[in-house]
Amino acid sequence: MKLKFIGGILISLVFLYLALRNVNYREILTSLERADYLYLIPVIALVLLTMWLRAMRWRYLFEPIKSIDNHSLFSAVMIGFMTNNVLPARIGEFVRAYAIGRKENLSKSLSFATIVVERIFDGFTLLGFLLVTLIFFPLPDWSKKAGILAFIFYLLIVFFFFLLKRYEEGILKFLNHVIAPVSERLSLKTNQLLGSFVSGFHVLKGKRQVAFIVFYSISIWVVYAILTFLVFVAFHFKLPLYAPFLFMVILTFGVMIPSSPGFIGTFQFFCVTGLSFWGIREGDALGFSLVYHASQYFPVTLLGLFYLWKDSISLKDLRAIDNLNDGN
């Protein structure tokens, strides 16, 4: 875990350097001074709404297994996202599975498998927005080609998982045969992760359930686009209506890169990179990134810590989950 933490810090420092190297710091201060912070009131409300929508979607993933109260799911979601903000190694998803499993007497591995399926739906939703944006709006040819290739690549990955569901034993044996001679630990982790994907697909039982999951997946990211647009307005960025959708795709996939807790460094760099599509100066983009990041970081972290206390989960428990994950 220490290596992951140190590696994440180093990656964050590199991206912070890349984001700050050409910045006029006076521009950042001017940008922050000009911003209209009243817009942060609805922004924070919408941030919490996206978390509630995640809980609603999660309920439908659990539907064939157990009916769970929305508030229980919401508390687990907040604890998981808070953990990613304050602890290294991106263990928030494991903590989230632990929290709901502990509260509802559910298998932790099955809970984690539902989260894995969530991530597949999130990826498809974001890439769907990207594809529509690239097809119907004026963007450089290279970005259109890159976006379409990314969508095709994601389709191939999902196709692989459908094959895995059907031929699980044979595919896992083959991968183990290839990976184990290189690293037994990597082979074990690969088997566990792919097994989670397969287990997650088993919770999808019918068209109605999938339709609700798709509906909530789209709703989550539409709300996220709206709150992004409001922060654009707060900073007086006059951008086209499709801009929040393309921006959040760039940012979301960007912060998947391992980094320090809270995505520091990668968040700033990909905010600057995303806004450069519309000619926003780096100083203004960095000022925006600080407020945009804070509007999500602090409400989620504070509410997550409240639910951590309310559900009687200690930081010692979180560290134990981290150590278990690191040892697997």
Protein backbone atom coordinates (compact mmCIF):
# COMPACT_ATOMS: atom_id res chain seq x y z
CA MET A 1 0.00 0.00 0.00
CA LYS A 2 2.88 2.36 0.76
CA LEU A 3 4.22 1.89 -2.76
CA LYS A 4 0.79 2.68 -4.21
CA PHE A 5 0.55 5.77 -2.03
CA ILE A 6 4.02 7.02 -2.95
CA GLY A 7 3.42 6.24 -6.63
CA GLY A 8 0.11 8.13 -6.54
CA ILE A 9 1.74 11.17 -4.93
CA LEU A 10 4.49 11.19 -7.57
CA ILE A 11 1.96 10.94 -10.41
CA SER A 12 -0.05 13.78 -8.87
CA LEU A 13 3.06 15.96 -8.62
CA VAL A 14 3.88 15.31 -12.29
CA PHE A 15 0.38 16.30 -13.40
CA LEU A 16 0.37 19.34 -11.13
CA TYR A 17 3.64 20.43 -12.70
CA LEU A 18 2.18 19.95 -16.20
CA ALA A 19 -0.92 21.93 -15.23
CA LEU A 20 0.99 24.79 -13.59
CA ARG A 21 4.14 25.13 -15.67
CA ASN A 22 2.86 27.86 -18.05
CA VAL A 23 0.41 29.57 -15.73
CA ASN A 24 0.24 33.22 -14.87
CA TYR A 25 -0.76 33.07 -11.20
CA ARG A 26 -2.30 36.52 -11.34
CA GLU A 27 -4.77 35.12 -13.89
CA ILE A 28 -5.85 32.45 -11.40
CA LEU A 29 -6.51 35.06 -8.70
CA THR A 30 -8.37 37.31 -11.14
CA SER A 31 -10.48 34.37 -12.29
CA LEU A 32 -11.34 33.47 -8.69
CA GLU A 33 -12.19 37.08 -7.85
CA ARG A 34 -14.56 37.41 -10.84
CA ALA A 35 -16.46 34.17 -10.19
CA ASP A 36 -20.07 34.30 -9.02
CA TYR A 37 -20.14 31.92 -6.05
CA LEU A 38 -23.92 31.98 -5.65
CA TYR A 39 -24.01 29.34 -8.38
CA LEU A 40 -22.29 26.94 -5.99
CA ILE A 41 -25.50 26.56 -3.97
CA PRO A 42 -27.35 24.66 -6.73
CA VAL A 43 -24.08 23.01 -7.79
CA ILE A 44 -23.59 21.39 -4.37
CA ALA A 45 -27.24 20.31 -4.32
CA LEU A 46 -26.79 18.69 -7.75
CA VAL A 47 -23.58 16.95 -6.63
CA LEU A 48 -25.54 15.29 -3.83
CA LEU A 49 -28.37 14.51 -6.25
CA THR A 50 -25.95 12.54 -8.46
CA MET A 51 -25.03 10.48 -5.38
CA TRP A 52 -28.70 9.82 -4.61
CA LEU A 53 -29.25 8.75 -8.23
CA ARG A 54 -26.30 6.36 -7.89
CA ALA A 55 -28.01 4.85 -4.86
CA MET A 56 -31.26 4.51 -6.81
CA ARG A 57 -29.46 2.76 -9.66
CA TRP A 58 -27.68 0.47 -7.21
CA ARG A 59 -31.05 -0.55 -5.77
CA TYR A 60 -32.08 -1.95 -9.16
CA LEU A 61 -28.83 -3.87 -9.42
CA PHE A 62 -29.61 -5.50 -6.07
CA GLU A 63 -33.29 -6.00 -6.97
CA PRO A 64 -33.00 -9.73 -7.92
CA ILE A 65 -31.04 -10.40 -4.71
CA LYS A 66 -32.63 -8.26 -2.01
CA SER A 67 -34.80 -5.17 -1.65
CA ILE A 68 -32.66 -2.52 0.05
CA ASP A 69 -33.70 0.85 1.44
CA ASN A 70 -32.46 3.82 -0.62
CA HIS A 71 -30.99 5.51 2.43
CA SER A 72 -28.80 2.49 3.25
CA LEU A 73 -27.49 2.50 -0.30
CA PHE A 74 -26.95 6.27 -0.24
CA SER A 75 -24.89 6.07 2.96
CA ALA A 76 -22.69 3.34 1.45
CA VAL A 77 -22.22 5.38 -1.74
CA MET A 78 -21.17 8.44 0.27
CA ILE A 79 -18.75 6.42 2.41
CA GLY A 80 -17.18 4.90 -0.72
CA PHE A 81 -16.70 8.20 -2.52
CA MET A 82 -15.43 9.86 0.67
CA THR A 83 -12.84 7.08 1.03
CA ASN A 84 -11.45 7.78 -2.45
CA ASN A 85 -11.10 11.42 -1.38
CA VAL A 86 -9.10 10.77 1.78
CA LEU A 87 -7.32 7.42 1.45
CA PRO A 88 -4.84 6.18 -1.18
CA ALA A 89 -5.07 3.24 -3.60
CA ARG A 90 -8.66 3.92 -4.77
CA ILE A 91 -10.18 1.51 -2.27
CA GLY A 92 -13.52 3.37 -2.19
CA GLU A 93 -15.33 0.70 -4.20
CA PHE A 94 -14.16 -2.04 -1.81
CA VAL A 95 -15.19 0.09 1.17
CA ARG A 96 -18.57 0.74 -0.41
CA ALA A 97 -19.10 -3.01 -0.92
CA TYR A 98 -18.02 -3.62 2.69
CA ALA A 99 -20.37 -0.92 4.03
CA ILE A 100 -23.51 -2.21 2.29
CA GLY A 101 -22.57 -5.85 2.89
CA ARG A 102 -22.09 -5.21 6.60
CA LYS A 103 -25.31 -3.24 6.93
CA GLU A 104 -27.55 -5.54 4.88
CA ASN A 105 -25.86 -8.89 5.61
CA LEU A 106 -24.82 -9.36 1.98
CA SER A 107 -21.81 -11.01 0.41
CA LYS A 108 -19.05 -8.41 0.06
CA SER A 109 -17.86 -10.00 -3.20
CA LEU A 110 -21.38 -9.91 -4.67
CA SER A 111 -21.78 -6.28 -3.59
CA PHE A 112 -18.49 -5.45 -5.28
CA ALA A 113 -19.64 -7.28 -8.43
CA THR A 114 -22.68 -4.97 -8.69
CA ILE A 115 -20.33 -1.97 -8.49
CA VAL A 116 -18.24 -3.40 -11.32
CA VAL A 117 -21.39 -3.59 -13.48
CA GLU A 118 -22.17 0.03 -12.54
CA ARG A 119 -18.81 1.05 -13.94
CA ILE A 120 -19.60 -0.67 -17.24
CA PHE A 121 -22.87 1.27 -17.53
CA ASP A 122 -21.08 4.51 -16.61
CA GLY A 123 -18.49 3.87 -19.31
CA PHE A 124 -21.11 3.18 -21.96
CA THR A 125 -23.10 6.27 -20.98
CA LEU A 126 -20.08 8.57 -21.15
CA LEU A 127 -18.88 7.12 -24.42
CA GLY A 128 -22.40 7.43 -25.81
CA PHE A 129 -22.37 11.15 -24.98
CA LEU A 130 -18.92 11.40 -26.54
CA LEU A 131 -20.02 9.67 -29.73
CA VAL A 132 -23.07 11.94 -30.15
CA THR A 133 -20.92 15.04 -29.49
CA LEU A 134 -18.25 14.00 -31.96
CA ILE A 135 -20.75 13.15 -34.71
CA PHE A 136 -23.03 16.18 -34.47
CA PHE A 137 -20.78 19.02 -33.32
CA PRO A 138 -17.77 20.74 -34.92
CA LEU A 139 -14.59 19.32 -33.43
CA PRO A 140 -11.14 18.57 -34.86
CA ASP A 141 -10.94 15.43 -37.01
CA TRP A 142 -8.31 13.88 -34.73
CA SER A 143 -10.61 14.12 -31.71
CA LYS A 144 -13.48 12.53 -33.66
CA LYS A 145 -11.27 9.63 -34.75
CA ALA A 146 -9.91 9.18 -31.23
CA GLY A 147 -13.40 9.20 -29.73
CA ILE A 148 -14.80 6.68 -32.20
CA LEU A 149 -11.77 4.41 -31.67
CA ALA A 150 -12.29 4.64 -27.89
CA PHE A 151 -15.95 3.68 -28.30
CA ILE A 152 -15.07 0.70 -30.51
CA PHE A 153 -12.37 -0.38 -28.05
CA TYR A 154 -14.88 -0.23 -25.18
CA LEU A 155 -17.36 -2.30 -27.21
CA LEU A 156 -14.66 -4.93 -27.75
CA ILE A 157 -13.94 -5.03 -24.02
CA VAL A 158 -17.63 -5.53 -23.21
CA PHE A 159 -17.86 -8.22 -25.92
CA PHE A 160 -14.94 -9.96 -24.22
CA PHE A 161 -16.83 -9.95 -20.92
CA PHE A 162 -19.89 -11.47 -22.58
CA LEU A 163 -17.63 -14.20 -23.93
CA LEU A 164 -16.17 -14.56 -20.45
CA LYS A 165 -19.64 -15.06 -19.01
CA ARG A 166 -20.29 -17.90 -21.47
CA TYR A 167 -16.85 -19.53 -21.45
CA GLU A 168 -15.62 -18.47 -18.00
CA GLU A 169 -13.69 -21.60 -17.03
CA GLY A 170 -11.81 -21.93 -20.32
CA ILE A 171 -10.87 -18.25 -20.59
CA LEU A 172 -9.71 -18.01 -16.97
CA LYS A 173 -7.60 -21.16 -17.38
CA PHE A 174 -6.00 -19.72 -20.51
CA LEU A 175 -5.24 -16.37 -18.85
CA ASN A 176 -3.86 -18.11 -15.79
CA HIS A 177 -1.61 -20.21 -18.02
CA VAL A 178 -0.29 -17.03 -19.69
CA ILE A 179 0.02 -14.75 -16.63
CA ALA A 180 0.97 -17.12 -13.79
CA PRO A 181 4.53 -17.77 -15.06
CA VAL A 182 5.10 -14.00 -14.99
CA SER A 183 3.37 -13.24 -11.66
CA GLU A 184 1.24 -15.50 -9.47
CA ARG A 185 -0.13 -12.45 -7.66
CA LEU A 186 -1.16 -10.73 -10.90
CA SER A 187 -2.79 -13.96 -12.07
CA LEU A 188 -4.81 -14.19 -8.85
CA LYS A 189 -5.88 -10.53 -9.06
CA THR A 190 -6.89 -11.01 -12.72
CA ASN A 191 -9.01 -14.04 -11.83
CA GLN A 192 -10.68 -12.16 -8.97
CA LEU A 193 -11.46 -9.10 -11.07
CA LEU A 194 -12.78 -11.07 -14.04
CA GLY A 195 -14.78 -13.25 -11.66
CA SER A 196 -16.38 -10.07 -10.30
CA PHE A 197 -17.40 -9.04 -13.82
CA VAL A 198 -19.03 -12.41 -14.41
CA SER A 199 -20.80 -12.37 -11.02
CA GLY A 200 -22.01 -8.85 -11.76
CA PHE A 201 -23.54 -9.86 -15.08
CA HIS A 202 -25.50 -12.59 -13.28
CA VAL A 203 -27.47 -9.94 -11.34
CA LEU A 204 -28.94 -8.62 -14.61
CA LYS A 205 -32.18 -10.58 -14.85
CA GLY A 206 -34.53 -8.78 -17.22
CA LYS A 207 -35.30 -5.93 -19.60
CA ARG A 208 -37.18 -3.87 -16.99
CA GLN A 209 -34.23 -3.96 -14.60
CA VAL A 210 -31.73 -3.06 -17.32
CA ALA A 211 -34.00 -0.24 -18.57
CA PHE A 212 -34.07 1.36 -15.10
CA ILE A 213 -30.29 1.00 -14.75
CA VAL A 214 -29.79 2.68 -18.14
CA PHE A 215 -32.26 5.44 -17.20
CA TYR A 216 -30.44 6.20 -13.95
CA SER A 217 -27.03 5.99 -15.64
CA ILE A 218 -28.08 8.64 -18.16
CA SER A 219 -29.72 10.73 -15.42
CA ILE A 220 -26.56 10.73 -13.28
CA TRP A 221 -24.40 12.09 -16.07
CA VAL A 222 -27.00 14.57 -17.36
CA VAL A 223 -27.21 16.07 -13.85
CA TYR A 224 -23.42 16.09 -13.70
CA ALA A 225 -23.34 17.96 -17.03
CA ILE A 226 -25.84 20.51 -15.69
CA LEU A 227 -23.79 21.22 -12.56
CA THR A 228 -20.68 21.52 -14.74
CA PHE A 229 -22.50 24.03 -16.94
CA LEU A 230 -23.44 26.06 -13.85
CA VAL A 231 -19.80 26.30 -12.80
CA PHE A 232 -18.96 27.41 -16.37
CA VAL A 233 -21.54 30.16 -15.95
CA ALA A 234 -20.14 31.09 -12.52
CA PHE A 235 -16.76 31.69 -14.18
CA HIS A 236 -18.34 33.55 -17.12
CA PHE A 237 -17.23 30.92 -19.67
CA LYS A 238 -19.41 31.28 -22.75
CA LEU A 239 -19.25 27.73 -24.06
CA PRO A 240 -21.60 25.74 -26.32
CA LEU A 241 -24.27 23.53 -24.74
CA TYR A 242 -22.44 20.35 -25.68
CA ALA A 243 -19.28 21.51 -23.86
CA PRO A 244 -20.17 20.06 -20.41
CA PHE A 245 -20.69 16.61 -21.92
CA LEU A 246 -17.37 16.53 -23.75
CA PHE A 247 -15.59 18.11 -20.79
CA MET A 248 -16.87 15.56 -18.28
CA VAL A 249 -15.84 12.68 -20.56
CA ILE A 250 -12.29 14.05 -20.76
CA LEU A 251 -12.15 14.68 -17.00
CA THR A 252 -13.74 11.40 -15.91
CA PHE A 253 -11.46 9.23 -18.00
CA GLY A 254 -8.49 11.43 -17.08
CA VAL A 255 -8.89 10.99 -13.33
CA MET A 256 -8.91 7.21 -13.77
CA ILE A 257 -5.12 7.53 -13.89
CA PRO A 258 -3.73 6.51 -10.46
CA SER A 259 -2.98 9.54 -8.31
CA SER A 260 -3.07 10.83 -4.76
CA PRO A 261 -6.32 10.74 -2.74
CA GLY A 262 -8.90 13.17 -4.10
CA PHE A 263 -7.44 13.05 -7.65
CA ILE A 264 -5.22 16.07 -6.95
CA GLY A 265 -3.07 16.90 -9.96
CA THR A 266 -4.91 14.77 -12.50
CA PHE A 267 -8.13 16.72 -11.81
CA GLN A 268 -6.41 20.06 -12.44
CA PHE A 269 -4.49 18.89 -15.50
CA PHE A 270 -7.54 17.43 -17.25
CA CYS A 271 -9.65 20.47 -16.40
CA VAL A 272 -7.06 22.62 -18.18
CA THR A 273 -6.81 20.14 -21.05
CA GLY A 274 -10.57 19.89 -21.47
CA LEU A 275 -11.18 23.63 -21.40
CA SER A 276 -8.38 24.22 -23.91
CA PHE A 277 -10.76 22.85 -26.58
CA TRP A 278 -12.65 26.13 -26.35
CA GLY A 279 -9.65 28.43 -25.93
CA ILE A 280 -9.99 29.01 -22.17
CA ARG A 281 -6.70 30.39 -20.81
CA GLU A 282 -4.77 28.15 -18.42
CA GLY A 283 -5.03 30.61 -15.51
CA ASP A 284 -8.81 30.83 -15.88
CA ALA A 285 -9.06 27.05 -16.30
CA LEU A 286 -7.05 26.44 -13.12
CA GLY A 287 -9.17 28.89 -11.13
CA PHE A 288 -12.23 27.02 -12.41
CA SER A 289 -10.68 23.65 -11.51
CA LEU A 290 -10.09 24.69 -7.89
CA VAL A 291 -13.69 25.73 -7.33
CA TYR A 292 -15.16 22.89 -9.41
CA HIS A 293 -13.09 20.34 -7.48
CA ALA A 294 -13.91 21.85 -4.08
CA SER A 295 -17.66 21.94 -4.86
CA GLN A 296 -17.55 18.15 -5.18
CA TYR A 297 -14.78 17.21 -2.76
CA PHE A 298 -15.98 18.89 0.43
CA PRO A 299 -19.73 18.04 0.39
CA VAL A 300 -19.02 14.39 -0.47
CA THR A 301 -16.20 14.06 2.06
CA LEU A 302 -18.07 15.71 4.93
CA LEU A 303 -21.29 13.77 4.35
CA GLY A 304 -19.32 10.56 3.84
CA LEU A 305 -17.55 11.08 7.19
CA PHE A 306 -20.93 11.68 8.84
CA TYR A 307 -22.26 8.36 7.51
CA LEU A 308 -19.02 6.65 8.51
CA TRP A 309 -19.69 7.77 12.08
CA LYS A 310 -23.43 7.02 11.89
CA ASP A 311 -22.83 3.48 10.60
CA SER A 312 -20.16 2.89 13.27
CA ILE A 313 -17.39 2.18 10.77
CA SER A 314 -13.96 3.27 11.99
CA LEU A 315 -10.92 4.41 10.05
CA LYS A 316 -9.28 1.27 11.44
CA ASP A 317 -11.89 -0.77 9.54
CA LEU A 318 -11.05 1.14 6.35
CA ARG A 319 -7.34 0.48 6.79
CA ALA A 320 -8.08 -3.21 7.33
CA ILE A 321 -10.00 -3.30 4.04
CA ASP A 322 -7.08 -1.54 2.38
CA ASN A 323 -4.58 -4.06 3.78
CA LEU A 324 -6.77 -6.97 2.70
CA ASN A 325 -7.09 -5.58 -0.81
CA ASP A 326 -3.34 -4.94 -0.97
CA GLY A 327 -2.58 -8.45 0.14
CA ASN A 328 -4.80 -10.12 -2.43
